[in-house]
Amino acid sequence: MSRRPGRTRSAAFRAKVALAAARDDKTLAELAQQYDVQLNQITDWKNQLLTQAVHVFGGEPSAAEPAIVCRSWTSRRSGASTGPSRQPRSASLLQSRYR
């Protein structure tokens, strides 16, 4: 069987999808369904947009400037979520035993 060639998306389309992903109004799954694009592709385009945004204003990225990171990722990783703890059961048992 021959493999189906991938689609080539225009730069305008990729920018539109990446901006929608950066806004964090919808989940990646919703965006993937809306634009008929794979989740990983949306994530790649969003990361490209965020890391190369400094070039839009004619600047050069410096080592002293922190990297741009998605808000939703930082809130999940910093433990700022208001939902229940996602700690494995065995880890919570160990912590309660050794306090």
Protein backbone atom coordinates (compact mmCIF):
# COMPACT_ATOMS: atom_id res chain seq x y z
CA MET A 1 0.00 0.00 0.00
CA SER A 2 1.18 3.45 -0.75
CA ARG A 3 1.12 6.07 1.92
CA ARG A 4 -1.15 9.07 1.56
CA PRO A 5 0.86 12.28 1.31
CA GLY A 6 0.40 14.78 4.11
CA ARG A 7 -1.39 18.04 3.61
CA THR A 8 0.54 21.23 3.19
CA ARG A 9 -1.13 23.95 5.22
CA SER A 10 -0.69 27.61 4.41
CA ALA A 11 1.22 29.88 6.76
CA ALA A 12 -1.93 31.91 7.40
CA PHE A 13 -3.84 28.78 8.45
CA ARG A 14 -1.03 27.63 10.76
CA ALA A 15 -0.86 31.08 12.35
CA LYS A 16 -4.63 31.15 12.89
CA VAL A 17 -4.57 27.73 14.59
CA ALA A 18 -1.50 28.60 16.69
CA LEU A 19 -3.07 31.86 17.89
CA ALA A 20 -6.29 30.05 18.79
CA ALA A 21 -4.25 27.53 20.79
CA ALA A 22 -2.26 30.29 22.51
CA ARG A 23 -5.48 32.02 23.61
CA ASP A 24 -6.43 28.94 25.68
CA ASP A 25 -10.15 29.57 25.05
CA LYS A 26 -10.69 26.01 23.83
CA THR A 27 -8.98 22.72 24.55
CA LEU A 28 -6.56 21.25 22.04
CA ALA A 29 -9.06 18.48 21.33
CA GLU A 30 -11.73 21.05 20.43
CA LEU A 31 -9.31 22.92 18.18
CA ALA A 32 -8.18 19.71 16.50
CA GLN A 33 -11.76 18.83 15.69
CA GLN A 34 -12.63 22.36 14.56
CA TYR A 35 -9.64 22.74 12.21
CA ASP A 36 -9.24 19.02 11.29
CA VAL A 37 -5.62 18.94 12.48
CA GLN A 38 -3.76 16.53 14.77
CA LEU A 39 -3.21 17.53 18.41
CA ASN A 40 0.57 17.21 18.11
CA GLN A 41 0.59 19.48 15.08
CA ILE A 42 -1.32 22.19 16.96
CA THR A 43 1.12 21.91 19.86
CA ASP A 44 4.10 22.20 17.50
CA TRP A 45 2.67 25.27 15.76
CA LYS A 46 1.85 26.91 19.10
CA ASN A 47 5.39 26.31 20.39
CA GLN A 48 6.86 27.72 17.18
CA LEU A 49 4.68 30.80 17.50
CA LEU A 50 5.63 31.41 21.13
CA THR A 51 9.36 30.83 20.68
CA GLN A 52 9.65 32.91 17.49
CA ALA A 53 7.36 35.78 18.49
CA VAL A 54 10.34 38.01 19.31
CA HIS A 55 11.33 38.04 15.62
CA VAL A 56 8.06 39.78 14.72
CA PHE A 57 9.28 42.94 16.46
CA GLY A 58 12.77 42.73 15.00
CA GLY A 59 14.49 41.57 18.16
CA GLU A 60 16.93 38.81 18.77
CA PRO A 61 16.28 36.39 21.62
CA SER A 62 18.84 36.70 24.38
CA ALA A 63 19.92 34.16 26.98
CA ALA A 64 18.90 36.56 29.79
CA GLU A 65 15.25 36.65 28.72
CA PRO A 66 13.11 33.82 30.02
CA ALA A 67 11.44 31.54 27.52
CA ILE A 68 7.77 32.12 26.82
CA VAL A 69 5.72 29.33 28.33
CA CYS A 70 2.05 28.59 27.95
CA ARG A 71 -0.10 29.79 30.88
CA SER A 72 -2.05 26.56 31.16
CA TRP A 73 1.16 24.50 31.33
CA THR A 74 2.66 26.62 34.10
CA SER A 75 -0.50 26.55 36.18
CA ARG A 76 -0.70 22.76 35.92
CA ARG A 77 2.96 22.24 36.73
CA SER A 78 3.13 24.68 39.65
CA GLY A 79 0.37 22.91 41.56
CA ALA A 80 -1.91 25.93 41.35
CA SER A 81 -4.86 23.86 40.23
CA THR A 82 -7.90 23.82 42.42
CA GLY A 83 -8.83 20.25 41.56
CA PRO A 84 -8.10 17.11 43.56
CA SER A 85 -4.54 15.94 44.00
CA ARG A 86 -3.36 13.58 41.31
CA GLN A 87 -0.83 11.91 43.56
CA PRO A 88 -0.65 8.12 43.31
CA ARG A 89 -2.34 6.31 46.15
CA SER A 90 0.86 4.59 47.28
CA ALA A 91 2.67 7.93 47.56
CA SER A 92 -0.04 9.44 49.75
CA LEU A 93 0.03 6.36 52.02
CA LEU A 94 3.80 6.65 52.42
CA GLN A 95 3.58 10.33 53.27
CA SER A 96 0.92 9.73 55.91
CA ARG A 97 2.97 6.93 57.53
CA TYR A 98 6.22 8.89 57.79
CA ARG A 99 4.98 12.24 59.08
